[in-house]
Amino acid sequence: MTIKEVEEEIIDDFDMFDDWMEKYDYIIELGKTLPIIEDKYKVDAYLVKGCQSQAWIHAELVDDKIVYTGDGDAIIAKGVMSLLFRVFSNQIPEDVVAADLDFLDQIGLKEHLSPTRANGLMATIKMMKFYAVAFNAKLKNINC
């Protein structure tokens, strides 16, 4: 499934809810499905800088596609990570780098997060894309 197709699914999922309290509940439920990072990666090198709570992200290449894992100490942060992992995991690095994530505006997530949580969202995206840039460079060097 492409990133755009996953984003469309998420937009459809969020359209099922009438108000933002229901959407927050859904985000919290998503956090329970977060692919959990191994404890050895819960160190500063994997910490999302700029996140209000503590959150860690690790990524690896599996068959030339990125697979993300993470964890956090806040239920909303875990839910947001789970949402982003759904979009970015199992995608090739080049597609992750190019993704514009319009779906975040379409579902209204940014406008319904506190400013500090919105900063955390952007920091999480930045870190995930940083992994993608690094993996993309690695793949291009291998294929030279």
C-alpha atoms as a PDB file:
ATOM      1  CA  MET A   1       0.000   0.000   0.000  1.00  0.00           C
ATOM      2  CA  THR A   2       1.351   3.471  -0.849  1.00  0.00           C
ATOM      3  CA  ILE A   3       1.682   6.293   1.672  1.00  0.00           C
ATOM      4  CA  LYS A   4      -1.204   8.143  -0.002  1.00  0.00           C
ATOM      5  CA  GLU A   5      -3.426   5.056   0.250  1.00  0.00           C
ATOM      6  CA  VAL A   6      -2.645   4.674   3.946  1.00  0.00           C
ATOM      7  CA  GLU A   7      -3.337   8.370   4.492  1.00  0.00           C
ATOM      8  CA  GLU A   8      -6.729   8.014   2.764  1.00  0.00           C
ATOM      9  CA  GLU A   9      -7.571   5.091   5.060  1.00  0.00           C
ATOM     10  CA  ILE A  10      -6.697   7.204   8.096  1.00  0.00           C
ATOM     11  CA  ILE A  11      -8.830  10.104   6.847  1.00  0.00           C
ATOM     12  CA  ASP A  12     -11.740   7.669   6.423  1.00  0.00           C
ATOM     13  CA  ASP A  13     -11.130   6.294   9.922  1.00  0.00           C
ATOM     14  CA  PHE A  14     -11.239   9.779  11.458  1.00  0.00           C
ATOM     15  CA  ASP A  15     -14.366  10.692   9.468  1.00  0.00           C
ATOM     16  CA  MET A  16     -16.248   8.008  11.433  1.00  0.00           C
ATOM     17  CA  PHE A  17     -16.044  10.103  14.598  1.00  0.00           C
ATOM     18  CA  ASP A  18     -18.335  13.019  15.356  1.00  0.00           C
ATOM     19  CA  ASP A  19     -16.169  15.016  17.737  1.00  0.00           C
ATOM     20  CA  TRP A  20     -12.609  15.388  18.914  1.00  0.00           C
ATOM     21  CA  MET A  21     -13.126  13.566  22.195  1.00  0.00           C
ATOM     22  CA  GLU A  22     -13.925  10.432  20.176  1.00  0.00           C
ATOM     23  CA  LYS A  23     -10.903  11.076  17.965  1.00  0.00           C
ATOM     24  CA  TYR A  24      -8.657  11.428  21.033  1.00  0.00           C
ATOM     25  CA  ASP A  25     -10.022   8.117  22.332  1.00  0.00           C
ATOM     26  CA  TYR A  26      -9.169   6.566  18.972  1.00  0.00           C
ATOM     27  CA  ILE A  27      -5.631   7.988  19.084  1.00  0.00           C
ATOM     28  CA  ILE A  28      -5.219   6.563  22.596  1.00  0.00           C
ATOM     29  CA  GLU A  29      -6.385   3.155  21.340  1.00  0.00           C
ATOM     30  CA  LEU A  30      -3.884   3.371  18.485  1.00  0.00           C
ATOM     31  CA  GLY A  31      -1.154   3.897  21.057  1.00  0.00           C
ATOM     32  CA  LYS A  32      -1.886   0.443  22.432  1.00  0.00           C
ATOM     33  CA  THR A  33      -0.930  -1.039  19.049  1.00  0.00           C
ATOM     34  CA  LEU A  34       2.419   0.770  18.845  1.00  0.00           C
ATOM     35  CA  PRO A  35       5.231  -1.545  17.732  1.00  0.00           C
ATOM     36  CA  ILE A  36       7.312  -1.283  20.910  1.00  0.00           C
ATOM     37  CA  ILE A  37      10.986  -0.445  20.765  1.00  0.00           C
ATOM     38  CA  GLU A  38      13.480  -2.768  22.436  1.00  0.00           C
ATOM     39  CA  ASP A  39      14.676  -1.507  25.833  1.00  0.00           C
ATOM     40  CA  LYS A  40      18.248  -1.189  24.537  1.00  0.00           C
ATOM     41  CA  TYR A  41      17.043   1.683  22.312  1.00  0.00           C
ATOM     42  CA  LYS A  42      15.468   3.648  25.172  1.00  0.00           C
ATOM     43  CA  VAL A  43      18.523   5.870  25.408  1.00  0.00           C
ATOM     44  CA  ASP A  44      19.237   9.486  24.464  1.00  0.00           C
ATOM     45  CA  ALA A  45      20.367   8.607  20.937  1.00  0.00           C
ATOM     46  CA  TYR A  46      16.803   7.499  20.084  1.00  0.00           C
ATOM     47  CA  LEU A  47      14.966  10.130  22.123  1.00  0.00           C
ATOM     48  CA  VAL A  48      12.684  12.435  20.137  1.00  0.00           C
ATOM     49  CA  LYS A  49      14.120  15.899  20.758  1.00  0.00           C
ATOM     50  CA  GLY A  50      11.411  18.510  21.201  1.00  0.00           C
ATOM     51  CA  CYS A  51       8.746  16.150  22.470  1.00  0.00           C
ATOM     52  CA  GLN A  52       7.044  17.254  25.705  1.00  0.00           C
ATOM     53  CA  SER A  53       7.068  13.703  27.017  1.00  0.00           C
ATOM     54  CA  GLN A  54       9.775  11.113  26.684  1.00  0.00           C
ATOM     55  CA  ALA A  55       9.482   9.281  23.383  1.00  0.00           C
ATOM     56  CA  TRP A  56      11.937   7.076  21.553  1.00  0.00           C
ATOM     57  CA  ILE A  57      12.019   5.949  17.928  1.00  0.00           C
ATOM     58  CA  HIS A  58      14.168   3.337  16.277  1.00  0.00           C
ATOM     59  CA  ALA A  59      14.130   2.343  12.619  1.00  0.00           C
ATOM     60  CA  GLU A  60      15.711  -0.374  10.558  1.00  0.00           C
ATOM     61  CA  LEU A  61      15.694  -1.444   6.944  1.00  0.00           C
ATOM     62  CA  VAL A  62      13.958  -4.718   6.204  1.00  0.00           C
ATOM     63  CA  ASP A  63      13.969  -5.712   2.517  1.00  0.00           C
ATOM     64  CA  ASP A  64      14.790  -2.084   1.605  1.00  0.00           C
ATOM     65  CA  LYS A  65      11.755  -0.792   3.513  1.00  0.00           C
ATOM     66  CA  ILE A  66      11.774   1.098   6.791  1.00  0.00           C
ATOM     67  CA  VAL A  67      10.260  -0.476   9.886  1.00  0.00           C
ATOM     68  CA  TYR A  68       9.780   1.840  12.855  1.00  0.00           C
ATOM     69  CA  THR A  69       9.409   0.951  16.517  1.00  0.00           C
ATOM     70  CA  GLY A  70       8.942   3.306  19.416  1.00  0.00           C
ATOM     71  CA  ASP A  71       7.664   3.962  22.882  1.00  0.00           C
ATOM     72  CA  GLY A  72       6.713   6.890  25.030  1.00  0.00           C
ATOM     73  CA  ASP A  73       5.559   7.741  28.497  1.00  0.00           C
ATOM     74  CA  ALA A  74       2.420   9.616  27.351  1.00  0.00           C
ATOM     75  CA  ILE A  75      -0.622   7.902  25.850  1.00  0.00           C
ATOM     76  CA  ILE A  76      -1.277  10.633  23.285  1.00  0.00           C
ATOM     77  CA  ALA A  77       2.372  10.591  22.140  1.00  0.00           C
ATOM     78  CA  LYS A  78       2.202   6.825  21.706  1.00  0.00           C
ATOM     79  CA  GLY A  79      -1.008   7.168  19.702  1.00  0.00           C
ATOM     80  CA  VAL A  80       0.458   9.826  17.431  1.00  0.00           C
ATOM     81  CA  MET A  81       3.571   7.693  16.893  1.00  0.00           C
ATOM     82  CA  SER A  82       1.374   4.709  16.063  1.00  0.00           C
ATOM     83  CA  LEU A  83      -0.489   6.804  13.504  1.00  0.00           C
ATOM     84  CA  LEU A  84       2.761   7.955  11.879  1.00  0.00           C
ATOM     85  CA  PHE A  85       4.228   4.449  11.972  1.00  0.00           C
ATOM     86  CA  ARG A  86       1.140   3.224  10.123  1.00  0.00           C
ATOM     87  CA  VAL A  87       1.907   5.715   7.356  1.00  0.00           C
ATOM     88  CA  PHE A  88       5.689   5.360   7.182  1.00  0.00           C
ATOM     89  CA  SER A  89       6.487   1.767   8.157  1.00  0.00           C
ATOM     90  CA  ASN A  90       7.006  -0.708   5.351  1.00  0.00           C
ATOM     91  CA  GLN A  91       7.664   2.079   2.871  1.00  0.00           C
ATOM     92  CA  ILE A  92      10.825   2.710   0.902  1.00  0.00           C
ATOM     93  CA  PRO A  93      12.953   5.530   2.316  1.00  0.00           C
ATOM     94  CA  GLU A  94      12.576   7.702  -0.794  1.00  0.00           C
ATOM     95  CA  ASP A  95       8.779   7.735  -0.394  1.00  0.00           C
ATOM     96  CA  VAL A  96       9.028   8.615   3.304  1.00  0.00           C
ATOM     97  CA  VAL A  97      11.334  11.531   2.515  1.00  0.00           C
ATOM     98  CA  ALA A  98       8.933  12.815  -0.170  1.00  0.00           C
ATOM     99  CA  ALA A  99       5.727  12.417   1.875  1.00  0.00           C
ATOM    100  CA  ASP A 100       3.936  15.684   2.586  1.00  0.00           C
ATOM    101  CA  LEU A 101       1.533  14.304   5.217  1.00  0.00           C
ATOM    102  CA  ASP A 102      -1.451  16.401   4.119  1.00  0.00           C
ATOM    103  CA  PHE A 103      -3.662  13.961   5.982  1.00  0.00           C
ATOM    104  CA  LEU A 104      -2.626  15.556   9.300  1.00  0.00           C
ATOM    105  CA  ASP A 105      -4.351  18.780   8.257  1.00  0.00           C
ATOM    106  CA  GLN A 106      -7.309  16.934   6.766  1.00  0.00           C
ATOM    107  CA  ILE A 107      -8.023  15.083  10.009  1.00  0.00           C
ATOM    108  CA  GLY A 108      -7.365  18.266  12.021  1.00  0.00           C
ATOM    109  CA  LEU A 109      -4.720  16.731  14.249  1.00  0.00           C
ATOM    110  CA  LYS A 110      -2.319  19.678  14.402  1.00  0.00           C
ATOM    111  CA  GLU A 111      -5.018  22.168  15.329  1.00  0.00           C
ATOM    112  CA  HIS A 112      -6.360  19.930  18.118  1.00  0.00           C
ATOM    113  CA  LEU A 113      -3.037  19.356  19.836  1.00  0.00           C
ATOM    114  CA  SER A 114      -1.619  21.723  22.422  1.00  0.00           C
ATOM    115  CA  PRO A 115       1.312  23.793  21.104  1.00  0.00           C
ATOM    116  CA  THR A 116       3.814  21.601  22.956  1.00  0.00           C
ATOM    117  CA  ARG A 117       2.224  18.402  21.616  1.00  0.00           C
ATOM    118  CA  ALA A 118       2.170  19.907  18.100  1.00  0.00           C
ATOM    119  CA  ASN A 119       5.911  20.586  18.493  1.00  0.00           C
ATOM    120  CA  GLY A 120       6.332  16.956  19.528  1.00  0.00           C
ATOM    121  CA  LEU A 121       4.418  15.834  16.434  1.00  0.00           C
ATOM    122  CA  MET A 122       6.721  17.852  14.199  1.00  0.00           C
ATOM    123  CA  ALA A 123       9.812  16.577  16.048  1.00  0.00           C
ATOM    124  CA  THR A 124       8.599  12.996  15.593  1.00  0.00           C
ATOM    125  CA  ILE A 125       8.057  13.518  11.860  1.00  0.00           C
ATOM    126  CA  LYS A 126      11.481  15.151  11.576  1.00  0.00           C
ATOM    127  CA  MET A 127      13.164  12.208  13.295  1.00  0.00           C
ATOM    128  CA  MET A 128      11.336   9.642  11.173  1.00  0.00           C
ATOM    129  CA  LYS A 129      12.264  11.490   7.989  1.00  0.00           C
ATOM    130  CA  PHE A 130      15.864  11.785   9.202  1.00  0.00           C
ATOM    131  CA  TYR A 131      16.002   7.991   9.391  1.00  0.00           C
ATOM    132  CA  ALA A 132      14.548   7.830   5.878  1.00  0.00           C
ATOM    133  CA  VAL A 133      17.148  10.260   4.506  1.00  0.00           C
ATOM    134  CA  ALA A 134      19.951   8.201   6.054  1.00  0.00           C
ATOM    135  CA  PHE A 135      18.561   4.908   4.745  1.00  0.00           C
ATOM    136  CA  ASN A 136      17.955   6.429   1.311  1.00  0.00           C
ATOM    137  CA  ALA A 137      21.596   7.555   1.141  1.00  0.00           C
ATOM    138  CA  LYS A 138      22.748   4.109   2.259  1.00  0.00           C
ATOM    139  CA  LEU A 139      20.649   2.399  -0.419  1.00  0.00           C
ATOM    140  CA  LYS A 140      21.904   4.746  -3.132  1.00  0.00           C
ATOM    141  CA  ASN A 141      25.517   4.037  -2.108  1.00  0.00           C
ATOM    142  CA  ILE A 142      24.882   0.295  -2.231  1.00  0.00           C
ATOM    143  CA  ASN A 143      23.330   0.556  -5.670  1.00  0.00           C
ATOM    144  CA  CYS A 144      26.131   2.703  -7.188  1.00  0.00           C
END
